[in-house]
Amino acid sequence: MKNTIKLSYLIFPLILGIFGCQTVNSGLVIEEPDFNLSKLKGKEVLISVPQVIENNIPKTSQLPFFDSDDFSKRESIDTDIQNLMVKKISENLDLFIPKSLSKSFILENNNGSKILIPIIKKDGFYKAASKTQFNIDEKLTQNGDYILIPLAIQLDDVRNINERYQSADLVEPGIEASISYVIYGINEKTIVISGIVQGVAKKSYMIDKSLGKDDVYFAVDEAIKSLVKEFMK
């Protein structure tokens, strides 16, 4: 009986460890067994606009930029993030050649929709709904070898960005940006890479009405830096 009790003490914390917390998927997962990062060397990778921008920040009045009922409908946010991604990858990664896949070109050749890869939400994050069903017209693939598609940008509130650095005494609220993405192989006609990367930025709380928007971009910028690091490993 004593042995049984001791064993239960060991098993119960293990169960809590498995089911008691949410974990983020790896930053970069190779989806095809015969694919590796060297195949991206020197290739032209088209980067699309984010398919979805999900704002989970409570009390958005704290950020002056959130003056619209639907943040995702802001016309510039998706192209701004796309341009930031192309710029950061161009400046910091010598692996592939990033090129913008124009939003207007996507809409023109995809029935007015930005959704190239149908998505589902699982465990709080977005992923491709299928590895075989895509909305990618051949016209969209003529000028590249691969397409990097941000499936979703998720924005969340961080109570204290210093907690993860064991500095809980200094409370600095922040914003966390998560980028769920895939890389679609044009010749392979399937997803070759998937992943989730995250970045955190401190809230500025300044008077300038543009700074709520800047805070978001700072967090997205940190997430893109994490993405670049994944390709450097």
C-alpha atoms as a PDB file:
ATOM      1  CA  MET A   1       0.000   0.000   0.000  1.00  0.00           C
ATOM      2  CA  LYS A   2       2.812   2.393   0.853  1.00  0.00           C
ATOM      3  CA  ASN A   3       4.420   1.751  -2.525  1.00  0.00           C
ATOM      4  CA  THR A   4       1.112   2.453  -4.247  1.00  0.00           C
ATOM      5  CA  ILE A   5       0.724   5.771  -2.442  1.00  0.00           C
ATOM      6  CA  LYS A   6       4.252   6.820  -3.313  1.00  0.00           C
ATOM      7  CA  LEU A   7       3.665   5.951  -6.952  1.00  0.00           C
ATOM      8  CA  SER A   8       0.498   8.064  -7.034  1.00  0.00           C
ATOM      9  CA  TYR A   9       2.470  11.037  -5.715  1.00  0.00           C
ATOM     10  CA  LEU A  10       4.811  10.682  -8.660  1.00  0.00           C
ATOM     11  CA  ILE A  11       2.102  10.260 -11.273  1.00  0.00           C
ATOM     12  CA  PHE A  12      -0.122  13.163 -10.192  1.00  0.00           C
ATOM     13  CA  PRO A  13       2.484  15.928 -10.748  1.00  0.00           C
ATOM     14  CA  LEU A  14       3.325  14.327 -14.085  1.00  0.00           C
ATOM     15  CA  ILE A  15      -0.306  14.580 -15.170  1.00  0.00           C
ATOM     16  CA  LEU A  16      -0.369  18.221 -14.124  1.00  0.00           C
ATOM     17  CA  GLY A  17       2.810  18.826 -16.061  1.00  0.00           C
ATOM     18  CA  ILE A  18       1.289  17.384 -19.211  1.00  0.00           C
ATOM     19  CA  PHE A  19      -2.173  18.925 -19.033  1.00  0.00           C
ATOM     20  CA  GLY A  20      -1.771  21.932 -16.758  1.00  0.00           C
ATOM     21  CA  CYS A  21      -0.047  24.320 -19.179  1.00  0.00           C
ATOM     22  CA  GLN A  22      -0.186  25.343 -22.806  1.00  0.00           C
ATOM     23  CA  THR A  23       2.959  25.014 -24.871  1.00  0.00           C
ATOM     24  CA  VAL A  24       3.825  26.801 -28.089  1.00  0.00           C
ATOM     25  CA  ASN A  25       4.818  24.753 -31.093  1.00  0.00           C
ATOM     26  CA  SER A  26       8.367  24.875 -32.368  1.00  0.00           C
ATOM     27  CA  GLY A  27       9.495  27.996 -34.183  1.00  0.00           C
ATOM     28  CA  LEU A  28      10.354  26.011 -37.321  1.00  0.00           C
ATOM     29  CA  VAL A  29       9.127  22.544 -38.263  1.00  0.00           C
ATOM     30  CA  ILE A  30      10.157  20.746 -41.463  1.00  0.00           C
ATOM     31  CA  GLU A  31       6.951  19.217 -42.806  1.00  0.00           C
ATOM     32  CA  GLU A  32       8.402  17.156 -45.669  1.00  0.00           C
ATOM     33  CA  PRO A  33      10.930  14.379 -44.952  1.00  0.00           C
ATOM     34  CA  ASP A  34      12.994  15.077 -48.087  1.00  0.00           C
ATOM     35  CA  PHE A  35      13.148  18.852 -47.499  1.00  0.00           C
ATOM     36  CA  ASN A  36      15.856  20.825 -45.699  1.00  0.00           C
ATOM     37  CA  LEU A  37      16.737  24.498 -45.304  1.00  0.00           C
ATOM     38  CA  SER A  38      19.573  24.281 -47.838  1.00  0.00           C
ATOM     39  CA  LYS A  39      16.913  23.983 -50.554  1.00  0.00           C
ATOM     40  CA  LEU A  40      15.965  27.603 -49.824  1.00  0.00           C
ATOM     41  CA  LYS A  41      19.485  28.848 -50.565  1.00  0.00           C
ATOM     42  CA  GLY A  42      19.358  31.556 -53.238  1.00  0.00           C
ATOM     43  CA  LYS A  43      15.675  30.903 -53.959  1.00  0.00           C
ATOM     44  CA  GLU A  44      13.047  33.615 -54.391  1.00  0.00           C
ATOM     45  CA  VAL A  45      10.545  33.440 -51.543  1.00  0.00           C
ATOM     46  CA  LEU A  46       7.354  35.434 -52.027  1.00  0.00           C
ATOM     47  CA  ILE A  47       5.967  36.866 -48.788  1.00  0.00           C
ATOM     48  CA  SER A  48       2.219  37.403 -48.605  1.00  0.00           C
ATOM     49  CA  VAL A  49       0.243  39.700 -46.329  1.00  0.00           C
ATOM     50  CA  PRO A  50      -1.005  38.173 -43.049  1.00  0.00           C
ATOM     51  CA  GLN A  51      -4.208  36.244 -43.644  1.00  0.00           C
ATOM     52  CA  VAL A  52      -5.683  37.080 -40.235  1.00  0.00           C
ATOM     53  CA  ILE A  53      -4.895  39.684 -37.570  1.00  0.00           C
ATOM     54  CA  GLU A  54      -6.434  38.731 -34.233  1.00  0.00           C
ATOM     55  CA  ASN A  55      -6.529  41.357 -31.471  1.00  0.00           C
ATOM     56  CA  ASN A  56      -6.825  39.788 -28.017  1.00  0.00           C
ATOM     57  CA  ILE A  57      -5.695  42.850 -26.070  1.00  0.00           C
ATOM     58  CA  PRO A  58      -8.253  43.824 -23.390  1.00  0.00           C
ATOM     59  CA  LYS A  59      -8.951  47.464 -22.607  1.00  0.00           C
ATOM     60  CA  THR A  60      -7.822  48.518 -26.052  1.00  0.00           C
ATOM     61  CA  SER A  61      -8.643  52.114 -25.187  1.00  0.00           C
ATOM     62  CA  GLN A  62      -5.235  52.131 -23.512  1.00  0.00           C
ATOM     63  CA  LEU A  63      -3.775  51.995 -26.994  1.00  0.00           C
ATOM     64  CA  PRO A  64      -4.938  55.042 -28.993  1.00  0.00           C
ATOM     65  CA  PHE A  65      -4.450  53.176 -32.272  1.00  0.00           C
ATOM     66  CA  PHE A  66      -7.423  50.921 -31.510  1.00  0.00           C
ATOM     67  CA  ASP A  67     -10.044  53.481 -32.462  1.00  0.00           C
ATOM     68  CA  SER A  68     -11.773  51.128 -34.887  1.00  0.00           C
ATOM     69  CA  ASP A  69     -14.340  48.505 -33.902  1.00  0.00           C
ATOM     70  CA  ASP A  70     -12.467  45.956 -35.986  1.00  0.00           C
ATOM     71  CA  PHE A  71      -8.700  46.328 -35.877  1.00  0.00           C
ATOM     72  CA  SER A  72      -8.246  43.719 -38.613  1.00  0.00           C
ATOM     73  CA  LYS A  73     -10.065  45.981 -41.099  1.00  0.00           C
ATOM     74  CA  ARG A  74      -7.415  48.680 -40.917  1.00  0.00           C
ATOM     75  CA  GLU A  75      -6.215  48.981 -44.495  1.00  0.00           C
ATOM     76  CA  SER A  76      -2.506  49.423 -43.828  1.00  0.00           C
ATOM     77  CA  ILE A  77      -1.734  47.048 -40.966  1.00  0.00           C
ATOM     78  CA  ASP A  78      -1.350  43.879 -43.057  1.00  0.00           C
ATOM     79  CA  THR A  79       0.811  45.472 -45.755  1.00  0.00           C
ATOM     80  CA  ASP A  80       2.884  47.256 -43.100  1.00  0.00           C
ATOM     81  CA  ILE A  81       3.636  43.919 -41.431  1.00  0.00           C
ATOM     82  CA  GLN A  82       4.426  42.353 -44.807  1.00  0.00           C
ATOM     83  CA  ASN A  83       6.856  45.171 -45.642  1.00  0.00           C
ATOM     84  CA  LEU A  84       8.473  44.895 -42.211  1.00  0.00           C
ATOM     85  CA  MET A  85       8.954  41.163 -42.700  1.00  0.00           C
ATOM     86  CA  VAL A  86      10.537  41.601 -46.148  1.00  0.00           C
ATOM     87  CA  LYS A  87      12.826  44.345 -44.804  1.00  0.00           C
ATOM     88  CA  LYS A  88      13.997  42.434 -41.727  1.00  0.00           C
ATOM     89  CA  ILE A  89      14.648  39.222 -43.649  1.00  0.00           C
ATOM     90  CA  SER A  90      16.518  41.105 -46.392  1.00  0.00           C
ATOM     91  CA  GLU A  91      18.739  42.869 -43.853  1.00  0.00           C
ATOM     92  CA  ASN A  92      19.465  39.970 -41.523  1.00  0.00           C
ATOM     93  CA  LEU A  93      19.225  36.680 -43.402  1.00  0.00           C
ATOM     94  CA  ASP A  94      21.496  35.523 -46.205  1.00  0.00           C
ATOM     95  CA  LEU A  95      19.594  32.394 -47.154  1.00  0.00           C
ATOM     96  CA  PHE A  96      16.825  33.203 -49.614  1.00  0.00           C
ATOM     97  CA  ILE A  97      15.653  36.257 -51.550  1.00  0.00           C
ATOM     98  CA  PRO A  98      12.440  37.704 -50.044  1.00  0.00           C
ATOM     99  CA  LYS A  99       9.963  39.426 -52.366  1.00  0.00           C
ATOM    100  CA  SER A 100       6.557  40.945 -51.632  1.00  0.00           C
ATOM    101  CA  LEU A 101       3.515  39.220 -53.061  1.00  0.00           C
ATOM    102  CA  SER A 102       1.263  42.208 -53.681  1.00  0.00           C
ATOM    103  CA  LYS A 103      -1.979  42.263 -51.715  1.00  0.00           C
ATOM    104  CA  SER A 104      -3.887  43.586 -54.714  1.00  0.00           C
ATOM    105  CA  PHE A 105      -2.416  40.807 -56.872  1.00  0.00           C
ATOM    106  CA  ILE A 106      -3.520  38.201 -54.315  1.00  0.00           C
ATOM    107  CA  LEU A 107      -7.045  39.619 -54.151  1.00  0.00           C
ATOM    108  CA  GLU A 108      -7.253  39.810 -57.942  1.00  0.00           C
ATOM    109  CA  ASN A 109      -6.276  36.168 -58.379  1.00  0.00           C
ATOM    110  CA  ASN A 110      -7.982  34.676 -55.339  1.00  0.00           C
ATOM    111  CA  ASN A 111     -11.620  35.761 -55.632  1.00  0.00           C
ATOM    112  CA  GLY A 112     -11.052  38.854 -53.499  1.00  0.00           C
ATOM    113  CA  SER A 113      -9.724  36.887 -50.520  1.00  0.00           C
ATOM    114  CA  LYS A 114      -6.359  37.004 -48.715  1.00  0.00           C
ATOM    115  CA  ILE A 115      -6.749  33.390 -47.559  1.00  0.00           C
ATOM    116  CA  LEU A 116      -4.296  31.273 -49.555  1.00  0.00           C
ATOM    117  CA  ILE A 117      -4.119  28.517 -46.934  1.00  0.00           C
ATOM    118  CA  PRO A 118      -7.382  27.650 -45.114  1.00  0.00           C
ATOM    119  CA  ILE A 119      -6.725  27.676 -41.367  1.00  0.00           C
ATOM    120  CA  ILE A 120      -8.043  26.271 -38.101  1.00  0.00           C
ATOM    121  CA  LYS A 121      -7.381  27.338 -34.524  1.00  0.00           C
ATOM    122  CA  LYS A 122      -5.954  24.665 -32.234  1.00  0.00           C
ATOM    123  CA  ASP A 123      -4.607  25.082 -28.701  1.00  0.00           C
ATOM    124  CA  GLY A 124      -4.898  28.840 -29.032  1.00  0.00           C
ATOM    125  CA  PHE A 125      -2.874  29.171 -32.244  1.00  0.00           C
ATOM    126  CA  TYR A 126      -3.552  28.912 -35.976  1.00  0.00           C
ATOM    127  CA  LYS A 127      -2.398  26.193 -38.349  1.00  0.00           C
ATOM    128  CA  ALA A 128      -3.166  25.016 -41.859  1.00  0.00           C
ATOM    129  CA  ALA A 129      -6.472  23.165 -41.988  1.00  0.00           C
ATOM    130  CA  SER A 130      -5.074  20.725 -44.545  1.00  0.00           C
ATOM    131  CA  LYS A 131      -1.757  19.791 -46.112  1.00  0.00           C
ATOM    132  CA  THR A 132      -3.385  19.120 -49.468  1.00  0.00           C
ATOM    133  CA  GLN A 133      -6.117  21.747 -49.983  1.00  0.00           C
ATOM    134  CA  PHE A 134      -4.947  25.269 -50.848  1.00  0.00           C
ATOM    135  CA  ASN A 135      -6.291  28.382 -52.598  1.00  0.00           C
ATOM    136  CA  ILE A 136      -3.164  29.146 -54.599  1.00  0.00           C
ATOM    137  CA  ASP A 137      -3.749  30.042 -58.241  1.00  0.00           C
ATOM    138  CA  GLU A 138      -0.879  29.352 -60.656  1.00  0.00           C
ATOM    139  CA  LYS A 139      -0.715  33.073 -61.470  1.00  0.00           C
ATOM    140  CA  LEU A 140       0.449  33.710 -57.888  1.00  0.00           C
ATOM    141  CA  THR A 141       3.375  31.313 -58.253  1.00  0.00           C
ATOM    142  CA  GLN A 142       4.944  32.553 -61.487  1.00  0.00           C
ATOM    143  CA  ASN A 143       7.579  34.828 -59.937  1.00  0.00           C
ATOM    144  CA  GLY A 144       8.988  32.730 -57.121  1.00  0.00           C
ATOM    145  CA  ASP A 145      10.093  29.356 -55.806  1.00  0.00           C
ATOM    146  CA  TYR A 146       8.336  29.395 -52.430  1.00  0.00           C
ATOM    147  CA  ILE A 147       5.654  31.440 -50.653  1.00  0.00           C
ATOM    148  CA  LEU A 148       5.993  32.435 -46.996  1.00  0.00           C
ATOM    149  CA  ILE A 149       2.446  32.892 -45.725  1.00  0.00           C
ATOM    150  CA  PRO A 150       1.751  34.414 -42.287  1.00  0.00           C
ATOM    151  CA  LEU A 151      -1.380  32.442 -41.432  1.00  0.00           C
ATOM    152  CA  ALA A 152      -2.194  34.728 -38.501  1.00  0.00           C
ATOM    153  CA  ILE A 153      -0.827  37.524 -36.356  1.00  0.00           C
ATOM    154  CA  GLN A 154      -2.161  37.294 -32.788  1.00  0.00           C
ATOM    155  CA  LEU A 155      -1.814  40.228 -30.389  1.00  0.00           C
ATOM    156  CA  ASP A 156      -2.031  39.589 -26.655  1.00  0.00           C
ATOM    157  CA  ASP A 157      -1.648  41.587 -23.468  1.00  0.00           C
ATOM    158  CA  VAL A 158       1.369  40.869 -21.241  1.00  0.00           C
ATOM    159  CA  ARG A 159       0.916  41.916 -17.613  1.00  0.00           C
ATOM    160  CA  ASN A 160       4.638  42.211 -16.959  1.00  0.00           C
ATOM    161  CA  ILE A 161       7.300  41.622 -19.601  1.00  0.00           C
ATOM    162  CA  ASN A 162       9.942  41.263 -16.864  1.00  0.00           C
ATOM    163  CA  GLU A 163       8.435  38.156 -15.265  1.00  0.00           C
ATOM    164  CA  ARG A 164      10.096  35.846 -17.772  1.00  0.00           C
ATOM    165  CA  TYR A 165      13.427  37.445 -16.861  1.00  0.00           C
ATOM    166  CA  GLN A 166      12.912  36.883 -13.115  1.00  0.00           C
ATOM    167  CA  SER A 167      12.492  40.619 -12.499  1.00  0.00           C
ATOM    168  CA  ALA A 168       8.904  40.683 -11.295  1.00  0.00           C
ATOM    169  CA  ASP A 169       9.566  43.658  -9.008  1.00  0.00           C
ATOM    170  CA  LEU A 170       9.747  45.968 -12.017  1.00  0.00           C
ATOM    171  CA  VAL A 171       6.279  45.832 -13.591  1.00  0.00           C
ATOM    172  CA  GLU A 172       6.205  46.853 -17.251  1.00  0.00           C
ATOM    173  CA  PRO A 173       3.048  45.931 -19.212  1.00  0.00           C
ATOM    174  CA  GLY A 174       3.605  44.898 -22.803  1.00  0.00           C
ATOM    175  CA  ILE A 175       2.227  43.411 -25.994  1.00  0.00           C
ATOM    176  CA  GLU A 176       3.023  39.952 -27.321  1.00  0.00           C
ATOM    177  CA  ALA A 177       2.799  39.224 -31.040  1.00  0.00           C
ATOM    178  CA  SER A 178       2.589  35.633 -32.266  1.00  0.00           C
ATOM    179  CA  ILE A 179       3.140  34.807 -35.931  1.00  0.00           C
ATOM    180  CA  SER A 180       1.824  31.471 -37.180  1.00  0.00           C
ATOM    181  CA  TYR A 181       3.277  30.819 -40.624  1.00  0.00           C
ATOM    182  CA  VAL A 182       3.942  28.264 -43.334  1.00  0.00           C
ATOM    183  CA  ILE A 183       6.229  28.092 -46.335  1.00  0.00           C
ATOM    184  CA  TYR A 184       4.557  26.619 -49.405  1.00  0.00           C
ATOM    185  CA  GLY A 185       6.769  24.968 -52.011  1.00  0.00           C
ATOM    186  CA  ILE A 186       5.659  25.969 -55.504  1.00  0.00           C
ATOM    187  CA  ASN A 187       7.321  22.984 -57.178  1.00  0.00           C
ATOM    188  CA  GLU A 188       6.531  20.666 -54.281  1.00  0.00           C
ATOM    189  CA  LYS A 189       2.900  21.872 -54.280  1.00  0.00           C
ATOM    190  CA  THR A 190       2.698  21.411 -50.521  1.00  0.00           C
ATOM    191  CA  ILE A 191       3.691  22.987 -47.211  1.00  0.00           C
ATOM    192  CA  VAL A 192       7.376  22.360 -46.550  1.00  0.00           C
ATOM    193  CA  ILE A 193       7.803  24.387 -43.326  1.00  0.00           C
ATOM    194  CA  SER A 194       5.472  25.539 -40.566  1.00  0.00           C
ATOM    195  CA  GLY A 195       5.942  27.225 -37.223  1.00  0.00           C
ATOM    196  CA  ILE A 196       5.008  29.787 -34.594  1.00  0.00           C
ATOM    197  CA  VAL A 197       7.290  32.591 -33.424  1.00  0.00           C
ATOM    198  CA  GLN A 198       6.659  35.228 -30.775  1.00  0.00           C
ATOM    199  CA  GLY A 199       7.931  38.633 -29.745  1.00  0.00           C
ATOM    200  CA  VAL A 200       7.225  41.018 -26.870  1.00  0.00           C
ATOM    201  CA  ALA A 201       7.422  44.816 -26.670  1.00  0.00           C
ATOM    202  CA  LYS A 202       6.801  47.224 -23.804  1.00  0.00           C
ATOM    203  CA  LYS A 203       3.771  49.517 -23.974  1.00  0.00           C
ATOM    204  CA  SER A 204       4.778  53.136 -24.389  1.00  0.00           C
ATOM    205  CA  TYR A 205       1.675  54.889 -22.941  1.00  0.00           C
ATOM    206  CA  MET A 206       2.723  58.121 -24.636  1.00  0.00           C
ATOM    207  CA  ILE A 207       0.375  60.842 -25.853  1.00  0.00           C
ATOM    208  CA  ASP A 208       1.186  60.539 -29.553  1.00  0.00           C
ATOM    209  CA  LYS A 209      -1.789  58.746 -31.113  1.00  0.00           C
ATOM    210  CA  SER A 210       0.485  56.771 -33.441  1.00  0.00           C
ATOM    211  CA  LEU A 211       2.328  55.036 -30.620  1.00  0.00           C
ATOM    212  CA  GLY A 212      -0.341  52.447 -29.954  1.00  0.00           C
ATOM    213  CA  LYS A 213       0.277  51.301 -33.509  1.00  0.00           C
ATOM    214  CA  ASP A 214       4.036  51.521 -33.001  1.00  0.00           C
ATOM    215  CA  ASP A 215       3.823  49.312 -29.901  1.00  0.00           C
ATOM    216  CA  VAL A 216       2.143  46.645 -32.003  1.00  0.00           C
ATOM    217  CA  TYR A 217       4.813  46.927 -34.681  1.00  0.00           C
ATOM    218  CA  PHE A 218       7.611  46.720 -32.098  1.00  0.00           C
ATOM    219  CA  ALA A 219       6.144  43.422 -30.863  1.00  0.00           C
ATOM    220  CA  VAL A 220       5.738  42.120 -34.429  1.00  0.00           C
ATOM    221  CA  ASP A 221       9.312  43.205 -35.149  1.00  0.00           C
ATOM    222  CA  GLU A 222      10.546  41.105 -32.218  1.00  0.00           C
ATOM    223  CA  ALA A 223       8.569  38.116 -33.523  1.00  0.00           C
ATOM    224  CA  ILE A 224      10.144  38.546 -36.975  1.00  0.00           C
ATOM    225  CA  LYS A 225      13.587  38.604 -35.327  1.00  0.00           C
ATOM    226  CA  SER A 226      12.699  35.258 -33.751  1.00  0.00           C
ATOM    227  CA  LEU A 227      11.720  33.965 -37.189  1.00  0.00           C
ATOM    228  CA  VAL A 228      15.055  35.051 -38.676  1.00  0.00           C
ATOM    229  CA  LYS A 229      16.894  33.269 -35.836  1.00  0.00           C
ATOM    230  CA  GLU A 230      15.027  30.055 -36.627  1.00  0.00           C
ATOM    231  CA  PHE A 231      16.387  30.102 -40.182  1.00  0.00           C
ATOM    232  CA  MET A 232      19.899  30.712 -38.843  1.00  0.00           C
ATOM    233  CA  LYS A 233      19.949  27.588 -36.657  1.00  0.00           C
END
